[in-house]
PDB file of all heavy atoms in Angstrom:
ATOM      1  N   PRO A   1      -7.795   6.567 -13.424  1.00  0.00           N
ATOM      2  CA  PRO A   1      -8.857   7.465 -12.981  1.00  0.00           C
ATOM      3  C   PRO A   1      -8.456   8.940 -13.092  1.00  0.00           C
ATOM      4  O   PRO A   1      -7.282   9.284 -12.960  1.00  0.00           O
ATOM      5  CB  PRO A   1      -9.064   7.094 -11.510  1.00  0.00           C
ATOM      6  CG  PRO A   1      -8.304   5.838 -11.281  1.00  0.00           C
ATOM      7  CD  PRO A   1      -7.285   5.731 -12.354  1.00  0.00           C
ATOM      8  N   ALA A   2      -9.446   9.797 -13.317  1.00  0.00           N
ATOM      9  CA  ALA A   2      -9.200  11.239 -13.333  1.00  0.00           C
ATOM     10  C   ALA A   2      -8.636  11.671 -11.976  1.00  0.00           C
ATOM     11  O   ALA A   2      -9.020  11.142 -10.938  1.00  0.00           O
ATOM     12  CB  ALA A   2     -10.497  11.987 -13.630  1.00  0.00           C
ATOM     13  N   GLY A   3      -7.713  12.604 -12.001  1.00  0.00           N
ATOM     14  CA  GLY A   3      -7.120  13.103 -10.769  1.00  0.00           C
ATOM     15  C   GLY A   3      -6.000  12.227 -10.225  1.00  0.00           C
ATOM     16  O   GLY A   3      -5.613  12.366  -9.066  1.00  0.00           O
ATOM     17  N   THR A   4      -5.463  11.336 -11.039  1.00  0.00           N
ATOM     18  CA  THR A   4      -4.388  10.454 -10.591  1.00  0.00           C
ATOM     19  C   THR A   4      -3.124  11.261 -10.304  1.00  0.00           C
ATOM     20  O   THR A   4      -2.731  12.112 -11.090  1.00  0.00           O
ATOM     21  CB  THR A   4      -4.106   9.378 -11.658  1.00  0.00           C
ATOM     22  OG1 THR A   4      -5.228   8.497 -11.699  1.00  0.00           O
ATOM     23  CG2 THR A   4      -2.864   8.574 -11.335  1.00  0.00           C
ATOM     24  N   GLN A   5      -2.512  10.981  -9.162  1.00  0.00           N
ATOM     25  CA  GLN A   5      -1.276  11.650  -8.766  1.00  0.00           C
ATOM     26  C   GLN A   5      -0.075  10.785  -9.142  1.00  0.00           C
ATOM     27  O   GLN A   5      -0.185   9.563  -9.247  1.00  0.00           O
ATOM     28  CB  GLN A   5      -1.268  11.887  -7.250  1.00  0.00           C
ATOM     29  CG  GLN A   5      -2.422  12.725  -6.745  1.00  0.00           C
ATOM     30  CD  GLN A   5      -2.365  14.155  -7.255  1.00  0.00           C
ATOM     31  OE1 GLN A   5      -1.303  14.746  -7.340  1.00  0.00           O
ATOM     32  NE2 GLN A   5      -3.519  14.695  -7.611  1.00  0.00           N
ATOM     33  N   SER A   6       1.072  11.411  -9.292  1.00  0.00           N
ATOM     34  CA  SER A   6       2.303  10.681  -9.551  1.00  0.00           C
ATOM     35  C   SER A   6       2.604   9.786  -8.354  1.00  0.00           C
ATOM     36  O   SER A   6       2.464  10.207  -7.208  1.00  0.00           O
ATOM     37  CB  SER A   6       3.450  11.670  -9.769  1.00  0.00           C
ATOM     38  OG  SER A   6       4.563  11.026 -10.317  1.00  0.00           O
ATOM     39  N   GLY A   7       2.975   8.538  -8.611  1.00  0.00           N
ATOM     40  CA  GLY A   7       3.279   7.588  -7.539  1.00  0.00           C
ATOM     41  C   GLY A   7       2.121   6.669  -7.180  1.00  0.00           C
ATOM     42  O   GLY A   7       2.296   5.752  -6.380  1.00  0.00           O
ATOM     43  N   ARG A   8       0.952   6.891  -7.749  1.00  0.00           N
ATOM     44  CA  ARG A   8      -0.188   6.007  -7.477  1.00  0.00           C
ATOM     45  C   ARG A   8       0.115   4.609  -8.005  1.00  0.00           C
ATOM     46  O   ARG A   8       0.673   4.445  -9.079  1.00  0.00           O
ATOM     47  CB  ARG A   8      -1.445   6.544  -8.138  1.00  0.00           C
ATOM     48  CG  ARG A   8      -2.657   5.671  -7.872  1.00  0.00           C
ATOM     49  CD  ARG A   8      -3.900   6.248  -8.465  1.00  0.00           C
ATOM     50  NE  ARG A   8      -5.050   5.444  -8.088  1.00  0.00           N
ATOM     51  CZ  ARG A   8      -6.284   5.880  -8.118  1.00  0.00           C
ATOM     52  NH1 ARG A   8      -6.549   7.103  -8.513  1.00  0.00           N
ATOM     53  NH2 ARG A   8      -7.271   5.090  -7.773  1.00  0.00           N
ATOM     54  N   ARG A   9      -0.286   3.603  -7.243  1.00  0.00           N
ATOM     55  CA  ARG A   9      -0.068   2.197  -7.624  1.00  0.00           C
ATOM     56  C   ARG A   9      -1.391   1.615  -8.122  1.00  0.00           C
ATOM     57  O   ARG A   9      -2.341   1.524  -7.361  1.00  0.00           O
ATOM     58  CB  ARG A   9       0.451   1.403  -6.432  1.00  0.00           C
ATOM     59  CG  ARG A   9       1.832   1.851  -5.985  1.00  0.00           C
ATOM     60  CD  ARG A   9       2.217   1.297  -4.621  1.00  0.00           C
ATOM     61  NE  ARG A   9       2.103  -0.120  -4.494  1.00  0.00           N
ATOM     62  CZ  ARG A   9       3.099  -0.986  -4.708  1.00  0.00           C
ATOM     63  NH1 ARG A   9       4.282  -0.545  -5.055  1.00  0.00           N
ATOM     64  NH2 ARG A   9       2.916  -2.275  -4.569  1.00  0.00           N
ATOM     65  N   ILE A  10      -1.418   1.236  -9.383  1.00  0.00           N
ATOM     66  CA  ILE A  10      -2.609   0.621  -9.974  1.00  0.00           C
ATOM     67  C   ILE A  10      -2.323  -0.873 -10.100  1.00  0.00           C
ATOM     68  O   ILE A  10      -1.363  -1.274 -10.751  1.00  0.00           O
ATOM     69  CB  ILE A  10      -2.934   1.246 -11.342  1.00  0.00           C
ATOM     70  CG1 ILE A  10      -3.180   2.751 -11.183  1.00  0.00           C
ATOM     71  CG2 ILE A  10      -4.128   0.541 -11.975  1.00  0.00           C
ATOM     72  CD1 ILE A  10      -3.354   3.491 -12.491  1.00  0.00           C
ATOM     73  N   ARG A  11      -3.163  -1.686  -9.438  1.00  0.00           N
ATOM     74  CA  ARG A  11      -2.905  -3.131  -9.378  1.00  0.00           C
ATOM     75  C   ARG A  11      -3.604  -3.885 -10.501  1.00  0.00           C
ATOM     76  O   ARG A  11      -4.768  -3.668 -10.778  1.00  0.00           O
ATOM     77  CB  ARG A  11      -3.374  -3.695  -8.040  1.00  0.00           C
ATOM     78  CG  ARG A  11      -3.106  -5.197  -7.926  1.00  0.00           C
ATOM     79  CD  ARG A  11      -3.327  -5.712  -6.553  1.00  0.00           C
ATOM     80  NE  ARG A  11      -4.739  -5.702  -6.233  1.00  0.00           N
ATOM     81  CZ  ARG A  11      -5.256  -6.233  -5.134  1.00  0.00           C
ATOM     82  NH1 ARG A  11      -4.458  -6.775  -4.234  1.00  0.00           N
ATOM     83  NH2 ARG A  11      -6.536  -6.198  -4.918  1.00  0.00           N
ATOM     84  N   LEU A  12      -2.852  -4.789 -11.105  1.00  0.00           N
ATOM     85  CA  LEU A  12      -3.406  -5.738 -12.064  1.00  0.00           C
ATOM     86  C   LEU A  12      -3.275  -7.110 -11.412  1.00  0.00           C
ATOM     87  O   LEU A  12      -2.188  -7.700 -11.380  1.00  0.00           O
ATOM     88  CB  LEU A  12      -2.643  -5.697 -13.390  1.00  0.00           C
ATOM     89  CG  LEU A  12      -2.916  -4.469 -14.260  1.00  0.00           C
ATOM     90  CD1 LEU A  12      -2.049  -3.310 -13.837  1.00  0.00           C
ATOM     91  CD2 LEU A  12      -2.700  -4.806 -15.706  1.00  0.00           C
ATOM     92  N   ARG A  13      -4.365  -7.582 -10.850  1.00  0.00           N
ATOM     93  CA  ARG A  13      -4.369  -8.822 -10.083  1.00  0.00           C
ATOM     94  C   ARG A  13      -4.006 -10.035 -10.955  1.00  0.00           C
ATOM     95  O   ARG A  13      -4.509 -10.184 -12.060  1.00  0.00           O
ATOM     96  CB  ARG A  13      -5.746  -9.019  -9.475  1.00  0.00           C
ATOM     97  CG  ARG A  13      -5.803 -10.124  -8.445  1.00  0.00           C
ATOM     98  CD  ARG A  13      -7.152 -10.148  -7.797  1.00  0.00           C
ATOM     99  NE  ARG A  13      -7.463  -8.805  -7.346  1.00  0.00           N
ATOM    100  CZ  ARG A  13      -7.921  -8.495  -6.153  1.00  0.00           C
ATOM    101  NH1 ARG A  13      -8.175  -9.435  -5.290  1.00  0.00           N
ATOM    102  NH2 ARG A  13      -8.168  -7.255  -5.819  1.00  0.00           N
ATOM    103  N   GLY A  14      -3.093 -10.860 -10.436  1.00  0.00           N
ATOM    104  CA  GLY A  14      -2.735 -12.108 -11.105  1.00  0.00           C
ATOM    105  C   GLY A  14      -1.826 -11.950 -12.311  1.00  0.00           C
ATOM    106  O   GLY A  14      -1.604 -12.906 -13.042  1.00  0.00           O
ATOM    107  N   LYS A  15      -1.267 -10.754 -12.531  1.00  0.00           N
ATOM    108  CA  LYS A  15      -0.407 -10.520 -13.689  1.00  0.00           C
ATOM    109  C   LYS A  15       1.078 -10.474 -13.307  1.00  0.00           C
ATOM    110  O   LYS A  15       1.914 -10.050 -14.086  1.00  0.00           O
ATOM    111  CB  LYS A  15      -0.789  -9.212 -14.401  1.00  0.00           C
ATOM    112  CG  LYS A  15      -2.188  -9.213 -14.959  1.00  0.00           C
ATOM    113  CD  LYS A  15      -2.354 -10.282 -16.012  1.00  0.00           C
ATOM    114  CE  LYS A  15      -3.747 -10.240 -16.619  1.00  0.00           C
ATOM    115  NZ  LYS A  15      -3.945 -11.326 -17.571  1.00  0.00           N
ATOM    116  N   GLY A  16       1.411 -10.942 -12.093  1.00  0.00           N
ATOM    117  CA  GLY A  16       2.803 -10.989 -11.651  1.00  0.00           C
ATOM    118  C   GLY A  16       3.426 -12.333 -11.971  1.00  0.00           C
ATOM    119  O   GLY A  16       3.034 -13.014 -12.916  1.00  0.00           O
ATOM    120  N   LEU A  17       4.373 -12.743 -11.147  1.00  0.00           N
ATOM    121  CA  LEU A  17       5.077 -14.003 -11.368  1.00  0.00           C
ATOM    122  C   LEU A  17       4.256 -15.187 -10.866  1.00  0.00           C
ATOM    123  O   LEU A  17       3.509 -15.064  -9.888  1.00  0.00           O
ATOM    124  CB  LEU A  17       6.424 -13.973 -10.642  1.00  0.00           C
ATOM    125  CG  LEU A  17       7.420 -12.943 -11.162  1.00  0.00           C
ATOM    126  CD1 LEU A  17       8.678 -12.954 -10.304  1.00  0.00           C
ATOM    127  CD2 LEU A  17       7.749 -13.201 -12.617  1.00  0.00           C
ATOM    128  N   PRO A  18       4.386 -16.336 -11.517  1.00  0.00           N
ATOM    129  CA  PRO A  18       3.658 -17.523 -11.060  1.00  0.00           C
ATOM    130  C   PRO A  18       4.170 -17.992  -9.707  1.00  0.00           C
ATOM    131  O   PRO A  18       5.316 -17.750  -9.340  1.00  0.00           O
ATOM    132  CB  PRO A  18       3.938 -18.559 -12.145  1.00  0.00           C
ATOM    133  CG  PRO A  18       5.128 -18.075 -12.871  1.00  0.00           C
ATOM    134  CD  PRO A  18       5.215 -16.592 -12.677  1.00  0.00           C
ATOM    135  N   ARG A  19       3.293 -18.656  -8.987  1.00  0.00           N
ATOM    136  CA  ARG A  19       3.662 -19.254  -7.703  1.00  0.00           C
ATOM    137  C   ARG A  19       3.720 -20.766  -7.890  1.00  0.00           C
ATOM    138  O   ARG A  19       3.077 -21.311  -8.775  1.00  0.00           O
ATOM    139  CB  ARG A  19       2.635 -18.908  -6.629  1.00  0.00           C
ATOM    140  CG  ARG A  19       2.601 -17.444  -6.279  1.00  0.00           C
ATOM    141  CD  ARG A  19       1.586 -17.193  -5.160  1.00  0.00           C
ATOM    142  NE  ARG A  19       1.322 -15.790  -5.002  1.00  0.00           N
ATOM    143  CZ  ARG A  19       1.950 -15.019  -4.131  1.00  0.00           C
ATOM    144  NH1 ARG A  19       2.890 -15.516  -3.355  1.00  0.00           N
ATOM    145  NH2 ARG A  19       1.652 -13.738  -4.041  1.00  0.00           N
ATOM    146  N   PRO A  20       4.472 -21.446  -7.034  1.00  0.00           N
ATOM    147  CA  PRO A  20       4.566 -22.914  -7.176  1.00  0.00           C
ATOM    148  C   PRO A  20       3.233 -23.611  -6.901  1.00  0.00           C
ATOM    149  O   PRO A  20       2.381 -23.085  -6.206  1.00  0.00           O
ATOM    150  CB  PRO A  20       5.625 -23.306  -6.144  1.00  0.00           C
ATOM    151  CG  PRO A  20       5.828 -22.136  -5.264  1.00  0.00           C
ATOM    152  CD  PRO A  20       5.284 -20.929  -5.961  1.00  0.00           C
ATOM    153  N   ARG A  21       3.095 -24.789  -7.467  1.00  0.00           N
ATOM    154  CA  ARG A  21       1.958 -25.685  -7.242  1.00  0.00           C
ATOM    155  C   ARG A  21       0.605 -25.045  -7.583  1.00  0.00           C
ATOM    156  O   ARG A  21      -0.384 -25.264  -6.911  1.00  0.00           O
ATOM    157  CB  ARG A  21       1.971 -26.221  -5.814  1.00  0.00           C
ATOM    158  CG  ARG A  21       3.180 -27.138  -5.568  1.00  0.00           C
ATOM    159  CD  ARG A  21       3.274 -27.602  -4.139  1.00  0.00           C
ATOM    160  NE  ARG A  21       3.825 -26.629  -3.228  1.00  0.00           N
ATOM    161  CZ  ARG A  21       5.093 -26.237  -3.157  1.00  0.00           C
ATOM    162  NH1 ARG A  21       5.968 -26.709  -4.006  1.00  0.00           N
ATOM    163  NH2 ARG A  21       5.493 -25.352  -2.269  1.00  0.00           N
ATOM    164  N   GLY A  22       0.579 -24.222  -8.622  1.00  0.00           N
ATOM    165  CA  GLY A  22      -0.691 -23.705  -9.125  1.00  0.00           C
ATOM    166  C   GLY A  22      -1.363 -22.650  -8.281  1.00  0.00           C
ATOM    167  O   GLY A  22      -2.509 -22.306  -8.534  1.00  0.00           O
ATOM    168  N   ALA A  23      -0.700 -22.107  -7.276  1.00  0.00           N
ATOM    169  CA  ALA A  23      -1.294 -21.039  -6.461  1.00  0.00           C
ATOM    170  C   ALA A  23      -1.474 -19.781  -7.323  1.00  0.00           C
ATOM    171  O   ALA A  23      -0.872 -19.635  -8.376  1.00  0.00           O
ATOM    172  CB  ALA A  23      -0.406 -20.735  -5.255  1.00  0.00           C
ATOM    173  N   GLN A  24      -2.331 -18.882  -6.849  1.00  0.00           N
ATOM    174  CA  GLN A  24      -2.612 -17.633  -7.561  1.00  0.00           C
ATOM    175  C   GLN A  24      -1.311 -16.868  -7.824  1.00  0.00           C
ATOM    176  O   GLN A  24      -0.515 -16.663  -6.920  1.00  0.00           O
ATOM    177  CB  GLN A  24      -3.566 -16.778  -6.710  1.00  0.00           C
ATOM    178  CG  GLN A  24      -3.851 -15.400  -7.270  1.00  0.00           C
ATOM    179  CD  GLN A  24      -4.754 -15.405  -8.481  1.00  0.00           C
ATOM    180  OE1 GLN A  24      -5.432 -16.381  -8.757  1.00  0.00           O
ATOM    181  NE2 GLN A  24      -4.756 -14.317  -9.215  1.00  0.00           N
ATOM    182  N   PRO A  25      -1.071 -16.439  -9.080  1.00  0.00           N
ATOM    183  CA  PRO A  25       0.144 -15.666  -9.369  1.00  0.00           C
ATOM    184  C   PRO A  25       0.153 -14.344  -8.600  1.00  0.00           C
ATOM    185  O   PRO A  25      -0.885 -13.875  -8.126  1.00  0.00           O
ATOM    186  CB  PRO A  25       0.057 -15.399 -10.872  1.00  0.00           C
ATOM    187  CG  PRO A  25      -0.980 -16.315 -11.396  1.00  0.00           C
ATOM    188  CD  PRO A  25      -1.884 -16.652 -10.260  1.00  0.00           C
TER     189      PRO A  25
END
């Protein structure tokens, strides 16, 4: 987004590490 400051955290849901037994990553 316009006006983004250094250190802002932009989340990409479900793009991290997998969880056991098919839970949401």
